Amino acid sequence: MSSPAADSGASGRRQIPAAWPVKWRQSVIRKGPGVDSESGRNNTPYFIIRLLQRNPTLEETAELMPTQPSQELETFPNPNPERDYTIRMRVPEFTCLCPRTGQPDFATIHIEYVPDARCVELKALKLYLWSYRNQGAFHEAVTNRILDDLTAACQPRFIRITAEFYVRGGIYTTVLVEHRQPGWAPPPPVTLPAGI
């Protein structure tokens, strides 16, 4: 099998497989593999070099990407289930699409929960939140769905999701949703004396 770098049409130009994602095809066309005349370094992105070495299928190109977005939330056993404690996470790079305009919406997602038997695994959470990047969703709907999915995955004693969406049309939107297990009550707050 010949490589795409060696294949050329009547014009003498490389033939770029039509199955490649547009971003990769444009990168090869725009930059082209080769050596930068000023620096003497190869200016071709590494993944393009690998793709040019053979004619991959779409499944093979997916293997070159180290991670992919996923709707699957993994959990692990709570190391201290006998104790109420709070896990707080801040996700400042959440994105989804406006279902009306298709424009991106950006938000900081705050997750606070008191775990019961299971805790959510952080890499899985990152990939889960990444999966919303190309989905259209109203702010209220996406915040409630995140709460529902996290509640189903780890069944916490208490969970609160706060989604602070950046300005859109001059309006900032913050959506706050909560869930608690029936019968669970937080421990009373402790007030420590002021320092010396």
N, C-alpha and C. Protein backbone atom coordinates (compact mmCIF):
# COMPACT_ATOMS: atom_id res chain seq x y z
N MET A 1 0.85 -1.18 0.00
CA MET A 1 0.00 0.00 0.00
C MET A 1 0.89 1.24 0.00
N SER A 2 0.59 2.17 -0.88
CA SER A 2 1.38 3.38 -0.95
C SER A 2 0.86 4.40 0.04
N SER A 3 1.72 5.29 0.46
CA SER A 3 1.31 6.31 1.43
C SER A 3 0.74 7.51 0.72
N PRO A 4 -0.13 8.29 1.38
CA PRO A 4 -0.70 9.48 0.76
C PRO A 4 0.36 10.49 0.36
N ALA A 5 1.49 10.50 1.09
CA ALA A 5 2.53 11.45 0.76
C ALA A 5 3.13 11.14 -0.60
N ALA A 6 3.15 9.84 -0.97
CA ALA A 6 3.75 9.46 -2.24
C ALA A 6 2.76 9.53 -3.38
N ASP A 7 1.46 9.43 -3.07
CA ASP A 7 0.45 9.46 -4.12
C ASP A 7 0.33 10.86 -4.69
N SER A 8 0.24 10.95 -5.99
CA SER A 8 0.00 12.26 -6.58
C SER A 8 -0.87 12.10 -7.81
N GLY A 9 -1.68 13.08 -8.06
CA GLY A 9 -2.55 13.06 -9.22
C GLY A 9 -1.85 13.65 -10.42
N ALA A 10 -2.65 13.98 -11.44
CA ALA A 10 -2.09 14.54 -12.67
C ALA A 10 -1.39 15.86 -12.40
N SER A 11 -1.82 16.58 -11.38
CA SER A 11 -1.22 17.88 -11.10
C SER A 11 0.10 17.76 -10.34
N GLY A 12 0.42 16.55 -9.87
CA GLY A 12 1.65 16.36 -9.10
C GLY A 12 1.49 16.68 -7.64
N ARG A 13 0.29 17.09 -7.22
CA ARG A 13 0.05 17.39 -5.80
C ARG A 13 -0.34 16.13 -5.06
N ARG A 14 -0.12 16.14 -3.74
CA ARG A 14 -0.53 15.03 -2.89
C ARG A 14 -2.02 14.82 -2.99
N GLN A 15 -2.46 13.59 -2.96
CA GLN A 15 -3.88 13.28 -2.88
C GLN A 15 -4.21 13.06 -1.41
N ILE A 16 -5.06 13.90 -0.85
CA ILE A 16 -5.42 13.81 0.56
C ILE A 16 -6.72 13.03 0.66
N PRO A 17 -6.72 11.95 1.47
CA PRO A 17 -7.93 11.13 1.57
C PRO A 17 -9.15 11.95 1.98
N ALA A 18 -10.26 11.77 1.26
CA ALA A 18 -11.49 12.51 1.55
C ALA A 18 -12.05 12.14 2.91
N ALA A 19 -11.69 10.97 3.45
CA ALA A 19 -12.22 10.53 4.74
C ALA A 19 -11.58 11.27 5.91
N TRP A 20 -10.48 11.97 5.69
CA TRP A 20 -9.84 12.69 6.78
C TRP A 20 -10.72 13.85 7.24
N PRO A 21 -10.74 14.15 8.54
CA PRO A 21 -11.48 15.32 9.00
C PRO A 21 -10.98 16.59 8.30
N VAL A 22 -11.89 17.53 8.12
CA VAL A 22 -11.58 18.76 7.39
C VAL A 22 -10.37 19.47 7.99
N LYS A 23 -10.29 19.53 9.32
CA LYS A 23 -9.18 20.22 9.99
C LYS A 23 -7.84 19.66 9.54
N TRP A 24 -7.74 18.33 9.45
CA TRP A 24 -6.47 17.70 9.07
C TRP A 24 -6.15 17.97 7.61
N ARG A 25 -7.19 17.85 6.74
CA ARG A 25 -6.96 18.09 5.31
C ARG A 25 -6.51 19.52 5.07
N GLN A 26 -7.17 20.49 5.75
CA GLN A 26 -6.79 21.89 5.57
C GLN A 26 -5.38 22.15 6.08
N SER A 27 -5.00 21.48 7.16
CA SER A 27 -3.66 21.68 7.72
C SER A 27 -2.60 21.20 6.75
N VAL A 28 -2.85 20.05 6.11
CA VAL A 28 -1.88 19.53 5.14
C VAL A 28 -1.81 20.44 3.93
N ILE A 29 -2.97 20.90 3.46
CA ILE A 29 -2.99 21.76 2.27
C ILE A 29 -2.33 23.10 2.58
N ARG A 30 -2.68 23.70 3.75
CA ARG A 30 -2.18 25.02 4.10
C ARG A 30 -0.68 24.99 4.39
N LYS A 31 -0.27 24.10 5.28
CA LYS A 31 1.13 24.08 5.71
C LYS A 31 1.97 23.16 4.83
N GLY A 32 1.38 22.01 4.49
CA GLY A 32 2.15 21.01 3.76
C GLY A 32 3.27 20.47 4.61
N PRO A 33 3.54 19.17 4.51
CA PRO A 33 4.66 18.65 5.27
C PRO A 33 5.95 19.15 4.67
N GLY A 34 6.91 19.39 5.46
CA GLY A 34 8.19 19.84 4.94
C GLY A 34 9.01 20.54 5.98
N VAL A 35 10.11 21.10 5.55
CA VAL A 35 11.06 21.74 6.44
C VAL A 35 10.94 23.25 6.29
N ASP A 36 10.86 23.94 7.41
CA ASP A 36 10.80 25.39 7.42
C ASP A 36 12.15 25.91 6.92
N SER A 37 12.14 26.74 5.88
CA SER A 37 13.39 27.20 5.28
C SER A 37 14.21 28.08 6.22
N GLU A 38 13.56 28.79 7.13
CA GLU A 38 14.31 29.67 8.03
C GLU A 38 14.89 28.92 9.23
N SER A 39 14.05 28.10 9.88
CA SER A 39 14.52 27.43 11.11
C SER A 39 15.18 26.08 10.83
N GLY A 40 14.87 25.48 9.68
CA GLY A 40 15.41 24.16 9.39
C GLY A 40 14.68 23.04 10.11
N ARG A 41 13.57 23.37 10.81
CA ARG A 41 12.81 22.36 11.53
C ARG A 41 11.61 21.92 10.71
N ASN A 42 11.18 20.69 10.96
CA ASN A 42 9.99 20.18 10.31
C ASN A 42 8.79 20.92 10.89
N ASN A 43 7.99 21.54 10.05
CA ASN A 43 6.86 22.34 10.52
C ASN A 43 5.55 21.57 10.51
N THR A 44 5.60 20.28 10.26
CA THR A 44 4.39 19.48 10.16
C THR A 44 3.99 18.97 11.54
N PRO A 45 2.71 19.18 11.94
CA PRO A 45 2.28 18.62 13.22
C PRO A 45 2.50 17.11 13.25
N TYR A 46 2.83 16.58 14.44
CA TYR A 46 3.18 15.17 14.56
C TYR A 46 2.07 14.25 14.06
N PHE A 47 0.80 14.57 14.39
CA PHE A 47 -0.27 13.67 13.97
C PHE A 47 -0.42 13.66 12.45
N ILE A 48 -0.07 14.78 11.78
CA ILE A 48 -0.11 14.81 10.32
C ILE A 48 0.99 13.92 9.74
N ILE A 49 2.17 13.99 10.34
CA ILE A 49 3.27 13.13 9.87
C ILE A 49 2.85 11.67 9.95
N ARG A 50 2.27 11.29 11.08
CA ARG A 50 1.85 9.89 11.24
C ARG A 50 0.79 9.52 10.22
N LEU A 51 -0.14 10.43 9.95
CA LEU A 51 -1.19 10.12 8.98
C LEU A 51 -0.65 10.04 7.56
N LEU A 52 0.35 10.86 7.26
CA LEU A 52 0.91 10.83 5.91
C LEU A 52 1.73 9.57 5.64
N GLN A 53 2.15 8.88 6.68
CA GLN A 53 2.96 7.68 6.50
C GLN A 53 2.15 6.51 6.00
N ARG A 54 0.84 6.59 6.11
CA ARG A 54 -0.02 5.51 5.63
C ARG A 54 -1.39 6.07 5.28
N ASN A 55 -2.26 5.25 4.76
CA ASN A 55 -3.60 5.68 4.38
C ASN A 55 -4.58 5.08 5.39
N PRO A 56 -4.82 5.77 6.50
CA PRO A 56 -5.61 5.18 7.59
C PRO A 56 -7.11 5.21 7.32
N THR A 57 -7.81 4.30 8.00
CA THR A 57 -9.27 4.34 8.01
C THR A 57 -9.69 5.33 9.09
N LEU A 58 -10.98 5.66 9.13
CA LEU A 58 -11.47 6.56 10.17
C LEU A 58 -11.25 5.96 11.56
N GLU A 59 -11.42 4.64 11.68
CA GLU A 59 -11.20 3.99 12.97
C GLU A 59 -9.74 4.12 13.40
N GLU A 60 -8.83 4.02 12.45
CA GLU A 60 -7.40 4.14 12.78
C GLU A 60 -7.06 5.57 13.19
N THR A 61 -7.68 6.57 12.55
CA THR A 61 -7.37 7.94 12.93
C THR A 61 -7.87 8.24 14.35
N ALA A 62 -8.97 7.60 14.76
CA ALA A 62 -9.47 7.80 16.13
C ALA A 62 -8.46 7.30 17.15
N GLU A 63 -7.68 6.27 16.78
CA GLU A 63 -6.67 5.74 17.69
C GLU A 63 -5.56 6.75 17.96
N LEU A 64 -5.34 7.69 17.02
CA LEU A 64 -4.28 8.68 17.21
C LEU A 64 -4.65 9.72 18.25
N MET A 65 -5.92 9.88 18.53
CA MET A 65 -6.36 10.84 19.54
C MET A 65 -6.30 10.16 20.90
N PRO A 66 -5.56 10.72 21.85
CA PRO A 66 -5.39 10.04 23.13
C PRO A 66 -6.68 9.94 23.94
N THR A 67 -7.59 10.89 23.83
CA THR A 67 -8.85 10.83 24.56
C THR A 67 -9.98 11.31 23.67
N GLN A 68 -11.17 10.86 24.01
CA GLN A 68 -12.38 11.25 23.29
C GLN A 68 -13.44 11.62 24.32
N PRO A 69 -14.37 12.52 23.98
CA PRO A 69 -15.45 12.81 24.92
C PRO A 69 -16.31 11.57 25.15
N SER A 70 -16.92 11.48 26.32
CA SER A 70 -17.70 10.29 26.66
C SER A 70 -18.83 10.67 27.59
N GLN A 71 -19.98 10.04 27.43
CA GLN A 71 -21.12 10.25 28.33
C GLN A 71 -21.06 9.31 29.53
N GLU A 72 -20.05 8.44 29.59
CA GLU A 72 -19.93 7.46 30.66
C GLU A 72 -19.23 8.07 31.87
N LEU A 73 -19.88 7.98 33.01
CA LEU A 73 -19.30 8.48 34.26
C LEU A 73 -18.82 7.28 35.09
N GLU A 74 -17.52 7.22 35.33
CA GLU A 74 -16.97 6.15 36.16
C GLU A 74 -16.93 6.61 37.61
N THR A 75 -17.04 5.65 38.51
CA THR A 75 -16.97 5.95 39.94
C THR A 75 -16.00 4.99 40.60
N PHE A 76 -15.65 5.28 41.85
CA PHE A 76 -14.81 4.39 42.65
C PHE A 76 -15.35 4.39 44.07
N PRO A 77 -15.02 3.38 44.87
CA PRO A 77 -15.56 3.31 46.23
C PRO A 77 -15.10 4.48 47.09
N ASN A 78 -16.02 5.02 47.86
CA ASN A 78 -15.70 6.09 48.80
C ASN A 78 -14.73 5.55 49.84
N PRO A 79 -13.55 6.15 50.00
CA PRO A 79 -12.59 5.62 50.97
C PRO A 79 -13.01 5.82 52.43
N ASN A 80 -13.96 6.74 52.69
CA ASN A 80 -14.41 7.00 54.06
C ASN A 80 -15.93 7.14 54.10
N PRO A 81 -16.67 6.09 53.81
CA PRO A 81 -18.14 6.21 53.75
C PRO A 81 -18.80 6.46 55.10
N GLU A 82 -18.06 6.21 56.19
CA GLU A 82 -18.64 6.40 57.52
C GLU A 82 -18.74 7.87 57.91
N ARG A 83 -18.11 8.76 57.12
CA ARG A 83 -18.02 10.18 57.47
C ARG A 83 -18.68 11.04 56.39
N ASP A 84 -19.38 12.09 56.83
CA ASP A 84 -19.86 13.10 55.88
C ASP A 84 -18.70 14.06 55.59
N TYR A 85 -18.36 14.21 54.33
CA TYR A 85 -17.38 15.21 53.93
C TYR A 85 -17.77 15.72 52.55
N THR A 86 -17.29 16.89 52.22
CA THR A 86 -17.71 17.55 50.98
C THR A 86 -16.57 17.53 49.97
N ILE A 87 -16.90 17.17 48.74
CA ILE A 87 -15.97 17.25 47.61
C ILE A 87 -16.43 18.42 46.76
N ARG A 88 -15.51 19.34 46.50
CA ARG A 88 -15.84 20.51 45.66
C ARG A 88 -14.95 20.49 44.43
N MET A 89 -15.57 20.72 43.27
CA MET A 89 -14.83 20.79 42.01
C MET A 89 -15.28 22.03 41.25
N ARG A 90 -14.35 22.64 40.57
CA ARG A 90 -14.63 23.83 39.75
C ARG A 90 -14.16 23.54 38.34
N VAL A 91 -15.05 23.68 37.37
CA VAL A 91 -14.75 23.39 35.97
C VAL A 91 -14.92 24.69 35.18
N PRO A 92 -13.81 25.44 34.95
CA PRO A 92 -13.95 26.77 34.34
C PRO A 92 -14.04 26.77 32.81
N GLU A 93 -13.97 25.60 32.17
CA GLU A 93 -13.93 25.58 30.70
C GLU A 93 -15.10 24.81 30.09
N PHE A 94 -16.25 24.81 30.73
CA PHE A 94 -17.40 24.10 30.19
C PHE A 94 -17.95 24.85 28.98
N THR A 95 -18.28 24.11 27.93
CA THR A 95 -18.91 24.72 26.75
C THR A 95 -20.03 23.82 26.25
N CYS A 96 -21.06 24.45 25.73
CA CYS A 96 -22.12 23.77 24.99
C CYS A 96 -22.59 24.77 23.92
N LEU A 97 -23.60 24.40 23.17
CA LEU A 97 -24.08 25.28 22.11
C LEU A 97 -25.46 25.81 22.43
N CYS A 98 -25.71 27.05 22.07
CA CYS A 98 -27.05 27.62 22.19
C CYS A 98 -27.96 26.89 21.21
N PRO A 99 -29.07 26.31 21.67
CA PRO A 99 -29.94 25.55 20.76
C PRO A 99 -30.67 26.42 19.74
N ARG A 100 -30.71 27.73 19.96
CA ARG A 100 -31.40 28.63 19.03
C ARG A 100 -30.46 29.14 17.94
N THR A 101 -29.24 29.51 18.34
CA THR A 101 -28.33 30.16 17.39
C THR A 101 -27.18 29.27 16.94
N GLY A 102 -26.88 28.23 17.72
CA GLY A 102 -25.71 27.40 17.41
C GLY A 102 -24.40 28.00 17.88
N GLN A 103 -24.47 29.18 18.53
CA GLN A 103 -23.27 29.83 19.04
C GLN A 103 -22.82 29.14 20.32
N PRO A 104 -21.51 29.15 20.62
CA PRO A 104 -21.05 28.50 21.85
C PRO A 104 -21.44 29.28 23.10
N ASP A 105 -21.79 28.54 24.13
CA ASP A 105 -22.03 29.10 25.46
C ASP A 105 -20.92 28.60 26.37
N PHE A 106 -20.37 29.48 27.18
CA PHE A 106 -19.27 29.15 28.07
C PHE A 106 -19.74 29.29 29.51
N ALA A 107 -19.28 28.39 30.37
CA ALA A 107 -19.70 28.44 31.77
C ALA A 107 -18.61 27.90 32.67
N THR A 108 -18.68 28.31 33.93
CA THR A 108 -17.92 27.68 34.99
C THR A 108 -18.91 26.84 35.78
N ILE A 109 -18.62 25.54 35.87
CA ILE A 109 -19.48 24.61 36.59
C ILE A 109 -18.86 24.34 37.95
N HIS A 110 -19.63 24.54 39.01
CA HIS A 110 -19.20 24.22 40.37
C HIS A 110 -19.98 22.98 40.81
N ILE A 111 -19.27 21.96 41.24
CA ILE A 111 -19.88 20.73 41.71
C ILE A 111 -19.49 20.54 43.17
N GLU A 112 -20.48 20.41 44.03
CA GLU A 112 -20.24 20.13 45.45
C GLU A 112 -21.09 18.93 45.81
N TYR A 113 -20.47 17.90 46.41
CA TYR A 113 -21.29 16.78 46.83
C TYR A 113 -20.72 16.10 48.06
N VAL A 114 -21.63 15.48 48.82
CA VAL A 114 -21.27 14.66 49.96
C VAL A 114 -21.45 13.22 49.49
N PRO A 115 -20.36 12.48 49.29
CA PRO A 115 -20.50 11.14 48.72
C PRO A 115 -21.11 10.15 49.72
N ASP A 116 -21.73 9.12 49.17
CA ASP A 116 -22.21 8.02 50.00
C ASP A 116 -21.27 6.85 49.78
N ALA A 117 -21.66 5.88 48.98
CA ALA A 117 -20.81 4.70 48.78
C ALA A 117 -19.78 4.91 47.68
N ARG A 118 -20.04 5.86 46.73
CA ARG A 118 -19.16 6.00 45.58
C ARG A 118 -18.82 7.46 45.32
N CYS A 119 -17.64 7.68 44.71
CA CYS A 119 -17.19 9.01 44.29
C CYS A 119 -17.00 8.98 42.77
N VAL A 120 -17.16 10.13 42.13
CA VAL A 120 -16.97 10.20 40.68
C VAL A 120 -15.48 10.34 40.38
N GLU A 121 -15.03 9.63 39.34
CA GLU A 121 -13.63 9.66 38.93
C GLU A 121 -13.40 10.91 38.08
N LEU A 122 -12.31 11.65 38.35
CA LEU A 122 -12.14 12.98 37.76
C LEU A 122 -11.91 12.97 36.25
N LYS A 123 -11.11 12.05 35.74
CA LYS A 123 -10.89 12.03 34.28
C LYS A 123 -12.20 11.71 33.56
N ALA A 124 -12.97 10.77 34.10
CA ALA A 124 -14.27 10.46 33.50
C ALA A 124 -15.19 11.67 33.53
N LEU A 125 -15.14 12.44 34.62
CA LEU A 125 -15.95 13.66 34.72
C LEU A 125 -15.52 14.67 33.66
N LYS A 126 -14.22 14.82 33.47
CA LYS A 126 -13.71 15.75 32.46
C LYS A 126 -14.21 15.35 31.07
N LEU A 127 -14.12 14.06 30.72
CA LEU A 127 -14.56 13.60 29.41
C LEU A 127 -16.07 13.72 29.26
N TYR A 128 -16.79 13.50 30.35
CA TYR A 128 -18.24 13.64 30.34
C TYR A 128 -18.63 15.10 30.04
N LEU A 129 -18.02 16.05 30.76
CA LEU A 129 -18.35 17.45 30.53
C LEU A 129 -17.92 17.91 29.14
N TRP A 130 -16.82 17.36 28.63
CA TRP A 130 -16.35 17.66 27.27
C TRP A 130 -17.39 17.24 26.24
N SER A 131 -18.15 16.19 26.54
CA SER A 131 -19.11 15.66 25.56
C SER A 131 -20.22 16.66 25.24
N TYR A 132 -20.38 17.70 26.05
CA TYR A 132 -21.41 18.71 25.77
C TYR A 132 -20.95 19.76 24.78
N ARG A 133 -19.70 19.76 24.41
CA ARG A 133 -19.14 20.83 23.58
C ARG A 133 -19.91 21.05 22.28
N ASN A 134 -20.40 20.00 21.66
CA ASN A 134 -21.11 20.15 20.38
C ASN A 134 -22.60 19.86 20.50
N GLN A 135 -23.12 19.93 21.72
CA GLN A 135 -24.55 19.68 21.93
C GLN A 135 -25.27 20.98 22.20
N GLY A 136 -26.42 21.13 21.58
CA GLY A 136 -27.27 22.28 21.85
C GLY A 136 -28.09 22.04 23.10
N ALA A 137 -28.07 22.99 24.03
CA ALA A 137 -28.83 22.82 25.27
C ALA A 137 -29.07 24.17 25.93
N PHE A 138 -30.28 24.35 26.44
CA PHE A 138 -30.56 25.53 27.24
C PHE A 138 -29.80 25.42 28.56
N HIS A 139 -29.44 26.54 29.14
CA HIS A 139 -28.67 26.55 30.38
C HIS A 139 -29.34 25.73 31.48
N GLU A 140 -30.65 25.92 31.63
CA GLU A 140 -31.38 25.22 32.68
C GLU A 140 -31.38 23.71 32.43
N ALA A 141 -31.57 23.32 31.18
CA ALA A 141 -31.64 21.89 30.85
C ALA A 141 -30.31 21.19 31.05
N VAL A 142 -29.22 21.81 30.60
CA VAL A 142 -27.92 21.17 30.71
C VAL A 142 -27.49 21.05 32.18
N THR A 143 -27.79 22.05 33.00
CA THR A 143 -27.43 22.00 34.41
C THR A 143 -28.20 20.88 35.12
N ASN A 144 -29.48 20.76 34.84
CA ASN A 144 -30.29 19.70 35.44
C ASN A 144 -29.86 18.32 34.95
N ARG A 145 -29.47 18.23 33.70
CA ARG A 145 -29.02 16.92 33.18
C ARG A 145 -27.72 16.50 33.85
N ILE A 146 -26.79 17.42 34.04
CA ILE A 146 -25.54 17.10 34.73
C ILE A 146 -25.84 16.60 36.14
N LEU A 147 -26.75 17.28 36.83
CA LEU A 147 -27.13 16.84 38.17
C LEU A 147 -27.72 15.43 38.13
N ASP A 148 -28.64 15.19 37.21
CA ASP A 148 -29.28 13.87 37.12
C ASP A 148 -28.26 12.77 36.83
N ASP A 149 -27.34 13.03 35.90
CA ASP A 149 -26.35 12.01 35.53
C ASP A 149 -25.38 11.72 36.67
N LEU A 150 -24.93 12.78 37.37
CA LEU A 150 -24.02 12.56 38.50
C LEU A 150 -24.74 11.85 39.65
N THR A 151 -26.00 12.20 39.88
CA THR A 151 -26.78 11.54 40.93
C THR A 151 -26.97 10.07 40.61
N ALA A 152 -27.26 9.75 39.35
CA ALA A 152 -27.44 8.35 38.96
C ALA A 152 -26.14 7.57 39.07
N ALA A 153 -25.02 8.21 38.77
CA ALA A 153 -23.73 7.51 38.75
C ALA A 153 -23.21 7.21 40.15
N CYS A 154 -23.27 8.19 41.06
CA CYS A 154 -22.63 7.96 42.38
C CYS A 154 -23.59 8.04 43.56
N GLN A 155 -24.86 8.36 43.33
CA GLN A 155 -25.88 8.39 44.37
C GLN A 155 -25.38 9.06 45.67
N PRO A 156 -25.00 10.31 45.58
CA PRO A 156 -24.45 11.00 46.76
C PRO A 156 -25.54 11.28 47.80
N ARG A 157 -25.08 11.55 49.02
CA ARG A 157 -26.02 11.95 50.08
C ARG A 157 -26.61 13.32 49.76
N PHE A 158 -25.76 14.18 49.19
CA PHE A 158 -26.19 15.52 48.79
C PHE A 158 -25.32 15.95 47.62
N ILE A 159 -25.92 16.67 46.66
CA ILE A 159 -25.15 17.22 45.55
C ILE A 159 -25.77 18.55 45.13
N ARG A 160 -24.89 19.49 44.79
CA ARG A 160 -25.32 20.80 44.30
C ARG A 160 -24.47 21.13 43.06
N ILE A 161 -25.13 21.53 41.99
CA ILE A 161 -24.45 21.98 40.77
C ILE A 161 -24.80 23.45 40.58
N THR A 162 -23.77 24.28 40.43
CA THR A 162 -23.97 25.69 40.12
C THR A 162 -23.29 25.94 38.77
N ALA A 163 -24.07 26.40 37.81
CA ALA A 163 -23.53 26.71 36.47
C ALA A 163 -23.58 28.22 36.27
N GLU A 164 -22.40 28.83 36.19
CA GLU A 164 -22.30 30.27 35.97
C GLU A 164 -21.97 30.50 34.50
N PHE A 165 -22.98 30.81 33.71
CA PHE A 165 -22.77 31.03 32.29
C PHE A 165 -22.29 32.46 32.04
N TYR A 166 -21.37 32.59 31.10
CA TYR A 166 -20.83 33.90 30.77
C TYR A 166 -21.89 34.70 30.03
N VAL A 167 -21.63 35.98 29.89
CA VAL A 167 -22.63 36.90 29.35
C VAL A 167 -23.06 36.51 27.94
N ARG A 168 -24.37 36.61 27.71
CA ARG A 168 -24.95 36.39 26.39
C ARG A 168 -26.06 37.41 26.24
N GLY A 169 -25.91 38.30 25.27
CA GLY A 169 -26.91 39.34 25.06
C GLY A 169 -27.02 40.30 26.24
N GLY A 170 -25.88 40.52 26.94
CA GLY A 170 -25.88 41.43 28.07
C GLY A 170 -26.43 40.84 29.36
N ILE A 171 -26.69 39.50 29.37
CA ILE A 171 -27.27 38.86 30.55
C ILE A 171 -26.38 37.72 31.01
N TYR A 172 -26.02 37.74 32.29
CA TYR A 172 -25.33 36.61 32.92
C TYR A 172 -26.40 35.69 33.50
N THR A 173 -26.24 34.40 33.33
CA THR A 173 -27.18 33.43 33.88
C THR A 173 -26.45 32.48 34.82
N THR A 174 -27.01 32.28 36.00
CA THR A 174 -26.51 31.29 36.94
C THR A 174 -27.66 30.35 37.28
N VAL A 175 -27.40 29.05 37.12
CA VAL A 175 -28.41 28.04 37.42
C VAL A 175 -27.87 27.19 38.56
N LEU A 176 -28.66 27.03 39.63
CA LEU A 176 -28.26 26.25 40.79
C LEU A 176 -29.31 25.15 41.01
N VAL A 177 -28.85 23.89 41.04
CA VAL A 177 -29.76 22.76 41.27
C VAL A 177 -29.16 21.87 42.35
N GLU A 178 -30.04 21.23 43.13
CA GLU A 178 -29.61 20.38 44.24
C GLU A 178 -30.41 19.09 44.27
N HIS A 179 -29.81 18.09 44.92
CA HIS A 179 -30.49 16.82 45.19
C HIS A 179 -29.95 16.31 46.52
N ARG A 180 -30.84 15.75 47.35
CA ARG A 180 -30.39 15.11 48.58
C ARG A 180 -31.14 13.81 48.78
N GLN A 181 -30.46 12.83 49.39
CA GLN A 181 -31.11 11.57 49.70
C GLN A 181 -32.20 11.82 50.74
N PRO A 182 -33.31 11.09 50.65
CA PRO A 182 -34.35 11.23 51.68
C PRO A 182 -33.78 10.89 53.06
N GLY A 183 -34.09 11.74 54.03
CA GLY A 183 -33.64 11.48 55.39
C GLY A 183 -32.26 12.01 55.72
N TRP A 184 -31.49 12.45 54.72
CA TRP A 184 -30.15 12.95 55.03
C TRP A 184 -30.24 14.41 55.44
N ALA A 185 -29.52 14.75 56.49
CA ALA A 185 -29.44 16.14 56.95
C ALA A 185 -27.98 16.47 57.17
N PRO A 186 -27.57 17.67 56.82
CA PRO A 186 -26.16 18.03 57.03
C PRO A 186 -25.85 18.14 58.51
N PRO A 187 -24.59 17.88 58.88
CA PRO A 187 -24.23 18.09 60.28
C PRO A 187 -24.29 19.57 60.62
N PRO A 188 -24.48 19.91 61.90
CA PRO A 188 -24.55 21.34 62.25
C PRO A 188 -23.21 22.02 61.99
N PRO A 189 -23.24 23.26 61.56
CA PRO A 189 -21.98 23.98 61.28
C PRO A 189 -21.19 24.19 62.57
N VAL A 190 -19.89 24.21 62.42
CA VAL A 190 -18.99 24.45 63.55
C VAL A 190 -18.41 25.85 63.40
N THR A 191 -18.53 26.67 64.44
CA THR A 191 -17.95 28.01 64.41
C THR A 191 -16.73 28.01 65.33
N LEU A 192 -15.59 28.23 64.75
CA LEU A 192 -14.35 28.27 65.53
C LEU A 192 -14.09 29.67 66.04
N PRO A 193 -13.44 29.80 67.18
CA PRO A 193 -13.15 31.14 67.69
C PRO A 193 -12.17 31.87 66.77
N ALA A 194 -12.26 33.18 66.76
CA ALA A 194 -11.37 33.99 65.93
C ALA A 194 -9.93 33.83 66.41
N GLY A 195 -9.01 33.99 65.50
CA GLY A 195 -7.59 33.85 65.83
C GLY A 195 -7.11 34.97 66.76
N ILE A 196 -5.94 34.79 67.26
CA ILE A 196 -5.36 35.76 68.20
C ILE A 196 -4.82 36.95 67.44
